[in-house]
PDB file of N, CA and C in Angstrom:
ATOM      1  N   UNK A   1     -58.084-120.653 142.665  1.00  0.00           N
ATOM      2  CA  UNK A   1     -58.973-120.141 142.604  1.00  0.00           C
ATOM      3  C   UNK A   1     -60.240-119.260 142.404  1.00  0.00           C
ATOM      4  N   UNK A   2     -60.368-118.607 141.439  1.00  0.00           N
ATOM      5  CA  UNK A   2     -61.221-117.338 141.239  1.00  0.00           C
ATOM      6  C   UNK A   2     -62.560-117.079 141.940  1.00  0.00           C
ATOM      7  N   UNK A   3     -63.296-115.795 142.328  1.00  0.00           N
ATOM      8  CA  UNK A   3     -64.087-115.637 143.168  1.00  0.00           C
ATOM      9  C   UNK A   3     -65.234-116.106 141.898  1.00  0.00           C
ATOM     10  N   UNK A   4     -65.188-116.152 140.671  1.00  0.00           N
ATOM     11  CA  UNK A   4     -65.622-115.987 139.665  1.00  0.00           C
ATOM     12  C   UNK A   4     -66.547-117.825 140.052  1.00  0.00           C
ATOM     13  N   UNK A   5     -65.278-118.233 139.922  1.00  0.00           N
ATOM     14  CA  UNK A   5     -65.357-120.561 140.271  1.00  0.00           C
ATOM     15  C   UNK A   5     -65.686-120.140 140.895  1.00  0.00           C
ATOM     16  N   UNK A   6     -65.424-119.876 142.879  1.00  0.00           N
ATOM     17  CA  UNK A   6     -66.327-120.160 143.821  1.00  0.00           C
ATOM     18  C   UNK A   6     -67.507-120.021 143.384  1.00  0.00           C
ATOM     19  N   UNK A   7     -68.349-118.479 143.260  1.00  0.00           N
ATOM     20  CA  UNK A   7     -69.217-118.587 143.345  1.00  0.00           C
ATOM     21  C   UNK A   7     -70.527-119.537 142.500  1.00  0.00           C
ATOM     22  N   UNK A   8     -69.557-119.456 140.984  1.00  0.00           N
ATOM     23  CA  UNK A   8     -69.914-120.206 140.441  1.00  0.00           C
ATOM     24  C   UNK A   8     -70.253-122.531 141.572  1.00  0.00           C
ATOM     25  N   UNK A   9     -69.137-122.019 142.161  1.00  0.00           N
ATOM     26  CA  UNK A   9     -69.745-123.455 142.636  1.00  0.00           C
ATOM     27  C   UNK A   9     -70.330-123.787 143.550  1.00  0.00           C
ATOM     28  N   UNK A  10     -70.361-122.614 144.388  1.00  0.00           N
ATOM     29  CA  UNK A  10     -72.117-121.734 145.251  1.00  0.00           C
ATOM     30  C   UNK A  10     -73.574-122.431 144.894  1.00  0.00           C
ATOM     31  N   UNK A  11     -73.038-121.656 143.998  1.00  0.00           N
ATOM     32  CA  UNK A  11     -74.705-121.733 143.126  1.00  0.00           C
ATOM     33  C   UNK A  11     -75.103-123.771 142.793  1.00  0.00           C
ATOM     34  N   UNK A  12     -73.454-123.556 141.824  1.00  0.00           N
ATOM     35  CA  UNK A  12     -74.219-125.295 141.752  1.00  0.00           C
ATOM     36  C   UNK A  12     -74.190-125.727 142.689  1.00  0.00           C
ATOM     37  N   UNK A  13     -73.410-126.050 143.806  1.00  0.00           N
ATOM     38  CA  UNK A  13     -73.734-126.861 144.734  1.00  0.00           C
ATOM     39  C   UNK A  13     -75.544-126.188 145.795  1.00  0.00           C
ATOM     40  N   UNK A  14     -75.564-125.108 145.788  1.00  0.00           N
ATOM     41  CA  UNK A  14     -76.815-124.602 146.465  1.00  0.00           C
ATOM     42  C   UNK A  14     -78.164-125.646 145.420  1.00  0.00           C
ATOM     43  N   UNK A  15     -78.147-125.353 144.437  1.00  0.00           N
ATOM     44  CA  UNK A  15     -78.836-125.588 143.561  1.00  0.00           C
ATOM     45  C   UNK A  15     -79.164-127.586 143.299  1.00  0.00           C
ATOM     46  N   UNK A  16     -78.088-128.307 143.390  1.00  0.00           N
ATOM     47  CA  UNK A  16     -77.450-129.718 143.906  1.00  0.00           C
ATOM     48  C   UNK A  16     -78.731-129.977 145.372  1.00  0.00           C
ATOM     49  N   UNK A  17     -78.187-129.226 146.114  1.00  0.00           N
ATOM     50  CA  UNK A  17     -79.174-129.218 147.471  1.00  0.00           C
ATOM     51  C   UNK A  17     -80.221-129.349 147.023  1.00  0.00           C
ATOM     52  N   UNK A  18     -81.100-127.810 146.334  1.00  0.00           N
ATOM     53  CA  UNK A  18     -82.340-127.936 146.344  1.00  0.00           C
ATOM     54  C   UNK A  18     -82.661-128.977 145.681  1.00  0.00           C
ATOM     55  N   UNK A  19     -82.569-129.269 144.425  1.00  0.00           N
ATOM     56  CA  UNK A  19     -82.689-130.379 144.003  1.00  0.00           C
ATOM     57  C   UNK A  19     -82.929-131.291 144.668  1.00  0.00           C
ATOM     58  N   UNK A  20     -81.989-131.884 145.401  1.00  0.00           N
ATOM     59  CA  UNK A  20     -82.163-133.384 146.887  1.00  0.00           C
ATOM     60  C   UNK A  20     -82.942-133.453 147.003  1.00  0.00           C
ATOM     61  N   UNK A  21     -83.341-132.076 147.421  1.00  0.00           N
ATOM     62  CA  UNK A  21     -84.182-131.729 148.804  1.00  0.00           C
ATOM     63  C   UNK A  21     -85.383-132.331 147.882  1.00  0.00           C
ATOM     64  N   UNK A  22     -86.049-131.406 146.568  1.00  0.00           N
ATOM     65  CA  UNK A  22     -87.585-131.111 146.503  1.00  0.00           C
ATOM     66  C   UNK A  22     -87.497-132.910 146.150  1.00  0.00           C
ATOM     67  N   UNK A  23     -86.444-133.743 145.624  1.00  0.00           N
ATOM     68  CA  UNK A  23     -86.487-135.616 146.049  1.00  0.00           C
ATOM     69  C   UNK A  23     -87.251-136.226 146.782  1.00  0.00           C
ATOM     70  N   UNK A  24     -86.583-135.593 147.943  1.00  0.00           N
ATOM     71  CA  UNK A  24     -87.101-136.269 149.324  1.00  0.00           C
ATOM     72  C   UNK A  24     -88.830-135.746 149.857  1.00  0.00           C
ATOM     73  N   UNK A  25     -88.559-134.450 149.218  1.00  0.00           N
ATOM     74  CA  UNK A  25     -89.771-134.166 149.437  1.00  0.00           C
ATOM     75  C   UNK A  25     -90.950-134.794 148.226  1.00  0.00           C
ATOM     76  N   UNK A  26     -90.532-135.202 147.417  1.00  0.00           N
ATOM     77  CA  UNK A  26     -91.357-135.254 146.160  1.00  0.00           C
ATOM     78  C   UNK A  26     -91.473-137.105 146.892  1.00  0.00           C
ATOM     79  N   UNK A  27     -90.776-138.495 147.220  1.00  0.00           N
ATOM     80  CA  UNK A  27     -90.261-138.932 147.484  1.00  0.00           C
ATOM     81  C   UNK A  27     -90.973-140.181 148.866  1.00  0.00           C
ATOM     82  N   UNK A  28     -90.992-139.243 150.021  1.00  0.00           N
ATOM     83  CA  UNK A  28     -91.334-138.980 151.058  1.00  0.00           C
ATOM     84  C   UNK A  28     -92.352-138.756 151.508  1.00  0.00           C
ATOM     85  N   UNK A  29     -93.090-137.191 151.078  1.00  0.00           N
ATOM     86  CA  UNK A  29     -93.894-136.732 151.276  1.00  0.00           C
ATOM     87  C   UNK A  29     -95.438-136.361 150.380  1.00  0.00           C
ATOM     88  N   UNK A  30     -94.913-136.784 148.829  1.00  0.00           N
ATOM     89  CA  UNK A  30     -96.246-137.425 147.938  1.00  0.00           C
ATOM     90  C   UNK A  30     -96.057-135.370 148.027  1.00  0.00           C
ATOM     91  N   UNK A  31     -95.074-134.376 147.526  1.00  0.00           N
ATOM     92  CA  UNK A  31     -95.367-133.131 147.542  1.00  0.00           C
ATOM     93  C   UNK A  31     -94.184-132.753 146.180  1.00  0.00           C
ATOM     94  N   UNK A  32     -94.912-132.010 145.340  1.00  0.00           N
ATOM     95  CA  UNK A  32     -94.398-131.759 143.704  1.00  0.00           C
ATOM     96  C   UNK A  32     -94.190-130.273 144.222  1.00  0.00           C
ATOM     97  N   UNK A  33     -92.673-129.826 143.640  1.00  0.00           N
ATOM     98  CA  UNK A  33     -93.125-127.957 143.424  1.00  0.00           C
ATOM     99  C   UNK A  33     -92.646-127.670 141.799  1.00  0.00           C
ATOM    100  N   UNK A  34     -93.635-126.673 141.319  1.00  0.00           N
ATOM    101  CA  UNK A  34     -93.033-126.610 140.113  1.00  0.00           C
ATOM    102  C   UNK A  34     -91.040-126.040 139.449  1.00  0.00           C
ATOM    103  N   UNK A  35     -90.939-126.439 138.813  1.00  0.00           N
ATOM    104  CA  UNK A  35     -89.356-126.332 138.294  1.00  0.00           C
ATOM    105  C   UNK A  35     -88.597-125.401 139.016  1.00  0.00           C
ATOM    106  N   UNK A  36     -89.425-123.789 137.985  1.00  0.00           N
ATOM    107  CA  UNK A  36     -89.472-122.541 138.447  1.00  0.00           C
ATOM    108  C   UNK A  36     -89.021-122.200 139.541  1.00  0.00           C
ATOM    109  N   UNK A  37     -90.300-122.720 140.968  1.00  0.00           N
ATOM    110  CA  UNK A  37     -90.256-122.546 142.355  1.00  0.00           C
ATOM    111  C   UNK A  37     -88.463-123.451 142.814  1.00  0.00           C
ATOM    112  N   UNK A  38     -88.376-124.107 142.212  1.00  0.00           N
ATOM    113  CA  UNK A  38     -87.140-124.600 142.914  1.00  0.00           C
ATOM    114  C   UNK A  38     -85.846-123.683 142.813  1.00  0.00           C
ATOM    115  N   UNK A  39     -86.025-123.539 141.613  1.00  0.00           N
ATOM    116  CA  UNK A  39     -84.773-122.524 140.536  1.00  0.00           C
ATOM    117  C   UNK A  39     -84.920-121.456 142.274  1.00  0.00           C
ATOM    118  N   UNK A  40     -86.533-120.520 141.766  1.00  0.00           N
ATOM    119  CA  UNK A  40     -85.671-119.454 142.683  1.00  0.00           C
ATOM    120  C   UNK A  40     -85.744-119.568 144.723  1.00  0.00           C
ATOM    121  N   UNK A  41     -86.168-120.785 144.719  1.00  0.00           N
ATOM    122  CA  UNK A  41     -85.872-121.168 146.528  1.00  0.00           C
ATOM    123  C   UNK A  41     -84.846-120.875 146.167  1.00  0.00           C
ATOM    124  N   UNK A  42     -84.282-122.050 145.768  1.00  0.00           N
ATOM    125  CA  UNK A  42     -82.268-122.191 145.660  1.00  0.00           C
ATOM    126  C   UNK A  42     -81.551-121.074 145.369  1.00  0.00           C
ATOM    127  N   UNK A  43     -82.227-119.762 144.567  1.00  0.00           N
ATOM    128  CA  UNK A  43     -80.996-118.770 144.696  1.00  0.00           C
ATOM    129  C   UNK A  43     -81.391-117.718 145.868  1.00  0.00           C
ATOM    130  N   UNK A  44     -82.717-117.957 146.565  1.00  0.00           N
ATOM    131  CA  UNK A  44     -82.773-117.162 147.423  1.00  0.00           C
ATOM    132  C   UNK A  44     -81.657-117.787 148.640  1.00  0.00           C
ATOM    133  N   UNK A  45     -82.057-118.555 148.701  1.00  0.00           N
ATOM    134  CA  UNK A  45     -80.949-119.706 149.936  1.00  0.00           C
ATOM    135  C   UNK A  45     -79.990-119.571 149.791  1.00  0.00           C
ATOM    136  N   UNK A  46     -79.206-119.487 148.499  1.00  0.00           N
ATOM    137  CA  UNK A  46     -78.067-118.437 148.463  1.00  0.00           C
ATOM    138  C   UNK A  46     -77.450-117.443 148.419  1.00  0.00           C
ATOM    139  N   UNK A  47     -78.516-116.499 148.085  1.00  0.00           N
ATOM    140  CA  UNK A  47     -78.360-114.777 148.598  1.00  0.00           C
ATOM    141  C   UNK A  47     -78.261-114.669 150.587  1.00  0.00           C
ATOM    142  N   UNK A  48     -78.935-115.275 150.689  1.00  0.00           N
ATOM    143  CA  UNK A  48     -79.323-115.474 152.164  1.00  0.00           C
ATOM    144  C   UNK A  48     -77.354-116.161 152.858  1.00  0.00           C
ATOM    145  N   UNK A  49     -77.235-117.040 151.958  1.00  0.00           N
ATOM    146  CA  UNK A  49     -75.658-117.263 152.532  1.00  0.00           C
ATOM    147  C   UNK A  49     -74.809-117.049 152.339  1.00  0.00           C
ATOM    148  N   UNK A  50     -75.225-115.979 151.257  1.00  0.00           N
ATOM    149  CA  UNK A  50     -73.838-115.061 150.876  1.00  0.00           C
ATOM    150  C   UNK A  50     -74.126-114.244 152.052  1.00  0.00           C
ATOM    151  N   UNK A  51     -75.206-113.532 152.006  1.00  0.00           N
ATOM    152  CA  UNK A  51     -75.495-112.011 152.995  1.00  0.00           C
ATOM    153  C   UNK A  51     -75.005-112.869 154.342  1.00  0.00           C
ATOM    154  N   UNK A  52     -74.683-114.216 154.265  1.00  0.00           N
ATOM    155  CA  UNK A  52     -73.766-114.421 156.347  1.00  0.00           C
ATOM    156  C   UNK A  52     -72.552-114.500 156.273  1.00  0.00           C
ATOM    157  N   UNK A  53     -71.491-114.575 155.018  1.00  0.00           N
ATOM    158  CA  UNK A  53     -70.230-115.101 155.555  1.00  0.00           C
ATOM    159  C   UNK A  53     -69.306-113.939 155.274  1.00  0.00           C
ATOM    160  N   UNK A  54     -68.597-114.187 156.730  1.00  0.00           N
ATOM    161  CA  UNK A  54     -67.927-113.488 156.926  1.00  0.00           C
ATOM    162  C   UNK A  54     -66.646-113.174 155.912  1.00  0.00           C
ATOM    163  N   UNK A  55     -66.430-111.919 155.941  1.00  0.00           N
ATOM    164  CA  UNK A  55     -65.729-111.350 155.137  1.00  0.00           C
ATOM    165  C   UNK A  55     -64.210-111.170 155.526  1.00  0.00           C
ATOM    166  N   UNK A  56     -62.756-111.482 155.795  1.00  0.00           N
ATOM    167  CA  UNK A  56     -62.305-111.822 156.795  1.00  0.00           C
ATOM    168  C   UNK A  56     -61.061-110.688 155.778  1.00  0.00           C
ATOM    169  N   UNK A  57     -61.519-110.047 154.866  1.00  0.00           N
ATOM    170  CA  UNK A  57     -60.394-109.217 153.508  1.00  0.00           C
ATOM    171  C   UNK A  57     -60.636-107.550 154.548  1.00  0.00           C
ATOM    172  N   UNK A  58     -62.068-107.248 154.621  1.00  0.00           N
ATOM    173  CA  UNK A  58     -63.100-106.311 154.804  1.00  0.00           C
ATOM    174  C   UNK A  58     -64.079-106.402 155.511  1.00  0.00           C
ATOM    175  N   UNK A  59     -63.467-106.779 156.938  1.00  0.00           N
ATOM    176  CA  UNK A  59     -65.069-106.812 157.951  1.00  0.00           C
ATOM    177  C   UNK A  59     -66.441-105.282 157.529  1.00  0.00           C
ATOM    178  N   UNK A  60     -65.654-104.541 157.359  1.00  0.00           N
ATOM    179  CA  UNK A  60     -66.604-103.630 157.076  1.00  0.00           C
ATOM    180  C   UNK A  60     -67.716-103.461 156.272  1.00  0.00           C
ATOM    181  N   UNK A  61     -67.592-105.240 155.507  1.00  0.00           N
ATOM    182  CA  UNK A  61     -69.064-104.964 154.538  1.00  0.00           C
ATOM    183  C   UNK A  61     -69.690-106.647 155.109  1.00  0.00           C
ATOM    184  N   UNK A  62     -69.279-107.101 156.311  1.00  0.00           N
ATOM    185  CA  UNK A  62     -69.864-108.048 157.114  1.00  0.00           C
ATOM    186  C   UNK A  62     -71.684-107.860 157.051  1.00  0.00           C
ATOM    187  N   UNK A  63     -72.608-108.220 157.228  1.00  0.00           N
ATOM    188  CA  UNK A  63     -73.523-107.878 157.746  1.00  0.00           C
ATOM    189  C   UNK A  63     -73.565-107.361 159.429  1.00  0.00           C
ATOM    190  N   UNK A  64     -74.866-106.564 159.715  1.00  0.00           N
ATOM    191  CA  UNK A  64     -74.663-105.804 161.005  1.00  0.00           C
ATOM    192  C   UNK A  64     -75.031-107.179 162.340  1.00  0.00           C
ATOM    193  N   UNK A  65     -74.444-107.544 162.726  1.00  0.00           N
ATOM    194  CA  UNK A  65     -74.918-109.504 163.419  1.00  0.00           C
ATOM    195  C   UNK A  65     -75.095-108.540 164.938  1.00  0.00           C
ATOM    196  N   UNK A  66     -74.983-107.754 165.027  1.00  0.00           N
ATOM    197  CA  UNK A  66     -75.587-106.991 166.505  1.00  0.00           C
ATOM    198  C   UNK A  66     -77.321-107.497 166.584  1.00  0.00           C
ATOM    199  N   UNK A  67     -77.802-107.364 165.581  1.00  0.00           N
ATOM    200  CA  UNK A  67     -79.243-107.461 165.701  1.00  0.00           C
ATOM    201  C   UNK A  67     -79.477-109.136 165.199  1.00  0.00           C
ATOM    202  N   UNK A  68     -78.665-109.954 164.869  1.00  0.00           N
ATOM    203  CA  UNK A  68     -79.015-111.404 164.738  1.00  0.00           C
ATOM    204  C   UNK A  68     -78.459-112.501 165.978  1.00  0.00           C
ATOM    205  N   UNK A  69     -80.101-112.758 166.108  1.00  0.00           N
ATOM    206  CA  UNK A  69     -79.270-114.563 166.709  1.00  0.00           C
ATOM    207  C   UNK A  69     -78.160-115.237 166.259  1.00  0.00           C
ATOM    208  N   UNK A  70     -76.904-115.417 167.083  1.00  0.00           N
ATOM    209  CA  UNK A  70     -76.266-116.661 165.884  1.00  0.00           C
ATOM    210  C   UNK A  70     -76.238-117.455 167.353  1.00  0.00           C
ATOM    211  N   UNK A  71     -75.650-118.681 166.607  1.00  0.00           N
ATOM    212  CA  UNK A  71     -74.351-119.758 166.797  1.00  0.00           C
ATOM    213  C   UNK A  71     -73.335-119.061 168.112  1.00  0.00           C
ATOM    214  N   UNK A  72     -72.997-119.345 168.833  1.00  0.00           N
ATOM    215  CA  UNK A  72     -71.705-119.401 169.906  1.00  0.00           C
ATOM    216  C   UNK A  72     -70.861-120.664 169.881  1.00  0.00           C
ATOM    217  N   UNK A  73     -69.528-120.883 169.882  1.00  0.00           N
ATOM    218  CA  UNK A  73     -68.812-121.615 170.508  1.00  0.00           C
ATOM    219  C   UNK A  73     -68.745-122.408 171.389  1.00  0.00           C
ATOM    220  N   UNK A  74     -68.870-123.256 172.206  1.00  0.00           N
ATOM    221  CA  UNK A  74     -69.340-123.724 173.636  1.00  0.00           C
ATOM    222  C   UNK A  74     -67.979-122.865 174.128  1.00  0.00           C
ATOM    223  N   UNK A  75     -68.277-123.100 175.505  1.00  0.00           N
ATOM    224  CA  UNK A  75     -67.052-122.559 176.455  1.00  0.00           C
ATOM    225  C   UNK A  75     -65.880-124.125 176.449  1.00  0.00           C
ATOM    226  N   UNK A  76     -65.072-123.182 176.525  1.00  0.00           N
ATOM    227  CA  UNK A  76     -63.506-123.894 177.333  1.00  0.00           C
ATOM    228  C   UNK A  76     -64.165-125.160 177.852  1.00  0.00           C
ATOM    229  N   UNK A  77     -63.860-126.545 177.397  1.00  0.00           N
ATOM    230  CA  UNK A  77     -64.324-127.401 178.568  1.00  0.00           C
ATOM    231  C   UNK A  77     -65.542-128.307 178.122  1.00  0.00           C
ATOM    232  N   UNK A  78     -66.252-127.319 177.855  1.00  0.00           N
ATOM    233  CA  UNK A  78     -67.348-128.105 177.502  1.00  0.00           C
ATOM    234  C   UNK A  78     -67.657-128.333 175.686  1.00  0.00           C
ATOM    235  N   UNK A  79     -68.723-129.297 175.997  1.00  0.00           N
ATOM    236  CA  UNK A  79     -69.601-130.196 174.887  1.00  0.00           C
ATOM    237  C   UNK A  79     -69.970-129.783 173.657  1.00  0.00           C
ATOM    238  N   UNK A  80     -70.037-129.562 172.159  1.00  0.00           N
ATOM    239  CA  UNK A  80     -70.696-129.914 171.826  1.00  0.00           C
ATOM    240  C   UNK A  80     -71.230-130.696 170.572  1.00  0.00           C
ATOM    241  N   UNK A  81     -73.230-130.862 171.091  1.00  0.00           N
ATOM    242  CA  UNK A  81     -72.920-132.384 170.171  1.00  0.00           C
ATOM    243  C   UNK A  81     -74.269-131.823 169.585  1.00  0.00           C
ATOM    244  N   UNK A  82     -74.424-132.201 167.693  1.00  0.00           N
ATOM    245  CA  UNK A  82     -75.200-131.926 166.985  1.00  0.00           C
ATOM    246  C   UNK A  82     -75.841-133.426 166.505  1.00  0.00           C
ATOM    247  N   UNK A  83     -76.737-133.501 166.631  1.00  0.00           N
ATOM    248  CA  UNK A  83     -77.682-134.728 165.569  1.00  0.00           C
ATOM    249  C   UNK A  83     -78.491-134.086 163.870  1.00  0.00           C
ATOM    250  N   UNK A  84     -79.206-135.606 163.837  1.00  0.00           N
ATOM    251  CA  UNK A  84     -79.510-135.405 162.705  1.00  0.00           C
ATOM    252  C   UNK A  84     -80.650-136.528 162.951  1.00  0.00           C
ATOM    253  N   UNK A  85     -81.941-136.493 162.465  1.00  0.00           N
ATOM    254  CA  UNK A  85     -81.906-138.087 162.037  1.00  0.00           C
ATOM    255  C   UNK A  85     -83.244-137.956 160.913  1.00  0.00           C
ATOM    256  N   UNK A  86     -84.435-138.901 160.399  1.00  0.00           N
ATOM    257  CA  UNK A  86     -84.763-139.233 159.104  1.00  0.00           C
ATOM    258  C   UNK A  86     -85.421-140.754 159.172  1.00  0.00           C
ATOM    259  N   UNK A  87     -86.795-140.640 159.310  1.00  0.00           N
ATOM    260  CA  UNK A  87     -87.720-141.240 159.586  1.00  0.00           C
ATOM    261  C   UNK A  87     -88.035-142.255 157.686  1.00  0.00           C
ATOM    262  N   UNK A  88     -88.392-142.967 157.482  1.00  0.00           N
ATOM    263  CA  UNK A  88     -89.365-143.043 156.060  1.00  0.00           C
ATOM    264  C   UNK A  88     -90.421-144.335 156.882  1.00  0.00           C
ATOM    265  N   UNK A  89     -91.292-144.645 155.666  1.00  0.00           N
ATOM    266  CA  UNK A  89     -92.729-145.441 156.112  1.00  0.00           C
ATOM    267  C   UNK A  89     -92.063-146.608 155.784  1.00  0.00           C
ATOM    268  N   UNK A  90     -92.748-147.545 157.075  1.00  0.00           N
ATOM    269  CA  UNK A  90     -92.766-148.709 157.186  1.00  0.00           C
ATOM    270  C   UNK A  90     -91.895-148.546 158.356  1.00  0.00           C
ATOM    271  N   UNK A  91     -91.726-148.127 158.869  1.00  0.00           N
ATOM    272  CA  UNK A  91     -91.141-148.225 160.637  1.00  0.00           C
ATOM    273  C   UNK A  91     -89.347-147.974 160.668  1.00  0.00           C
ATOM    274  N   UNK A  92     -88.839-147.547 159.674  1.00  0.00           N
ATOM    275  CA  UNK A  92     -87.399-147.423 159.579  1.00  0.00           C
ATOM    276  C   UNK A  92     -86.825-146.064 159.923  1.00  0.00           C
ATOM    277  N   UNK A  93     -86.041-145.736 160.638  1.00  0.00           N
ATOM    278  CA  UNK A  93     -85.412-144.918 160.665  1.00  0.00           C
ATOM    279  C   UNK A  93     -83.707-144.267 161.070  1.00  0.00           C
ATOM    280  N   UNK A  94     -82.781-143.677 160.895  1.00  0.00           N
ATOM    281  CA  UNK A  94     -81.593-143.797 160.923  1.00  0.00           C
ATOM    282  C   UNK A  94     -81.197-142.262 161.909  1.00  0.00           C
ATOM    283  N   UNK A  95     -80.120-142.370 162.334  1.00  0.00           N
ATOM    284  CA  UNK A  95     -80.384-140.702 163.112  1.00  0.00           C
ATOM    285  C   UNK A  95     -78.183-141.459 163.819  1.00  0.00           C
ATOM    286  N   UNK A  96     -78.099-139.739 163.623  1.00  0.00           N
ATOM    287  CA  UNK A  96     -76.718-139.481 164.219  1.00  0.00           C
ATOM    288  C   UNK A  96     -76.288-138.244 164.918  1.00  0.00           C
ATOM    289  N   UNK A  97     -74.880-138.492 165.440  1.00  0.00           N
ATOM    290  CA  UNK A  97     -74.390-137.700 166.046  1.00  0.00           C
ATOM    291  C   UNK A  97     -73.394-137.305 165.703  1.00  0.00           C
ATOM    292  N   UNK A  98     -73.183-135.893 166.591  1.00  0.00           N
ATOM    293  CA  UNK A  98     -70.875-135.297 166.203  1.00  0.00           C
ATOM    294  C   UNK A  98     -71.081-134.589 167.092  1.00  0.00           C
ATOM    295  N   UNK A  99     -70.501-134.984 167.706  1.00  0.00           N
ATOM    296  CA  UNK A  99     -69.520-134.021 169.426  1.00  0.00           C
ATOM    297  C   UNK A  99     -68.397-133.706 169.231  1.00  0.00           C
ATOM    298  N   UNK A 100     -68.144-132.085 169.599  1.00  0.00           N
ATOM    299  CA  UNK A 100     -66.858-131.824 169.189  1.00  0.00           C
ATOM    300  C   UNK A 100     -66.447-131.201 170.862  1.00  0.00           C
TER     301      UNK A 100
END
């Protein structure tokens, strides 16, 4: 896959995520954003994502990570647990977790 194809896939995925997020905001919070705002937000999220990617071919082009607070891998023998949850009107909820 070429770099251009990768960039198009990233852009498409980010836009789909923004639209999904907007759908949830409308459905669950009765909030509606203008289409141009959704597109701009999607573009800004993609730029942020791309700024934080690590370039293995040319590490000199990486963002200066000394000034950023970052997640670090747990020490060997420790377990990392990620959680997520969602609620819906009518007292319905779902939750999940992942341990590594």
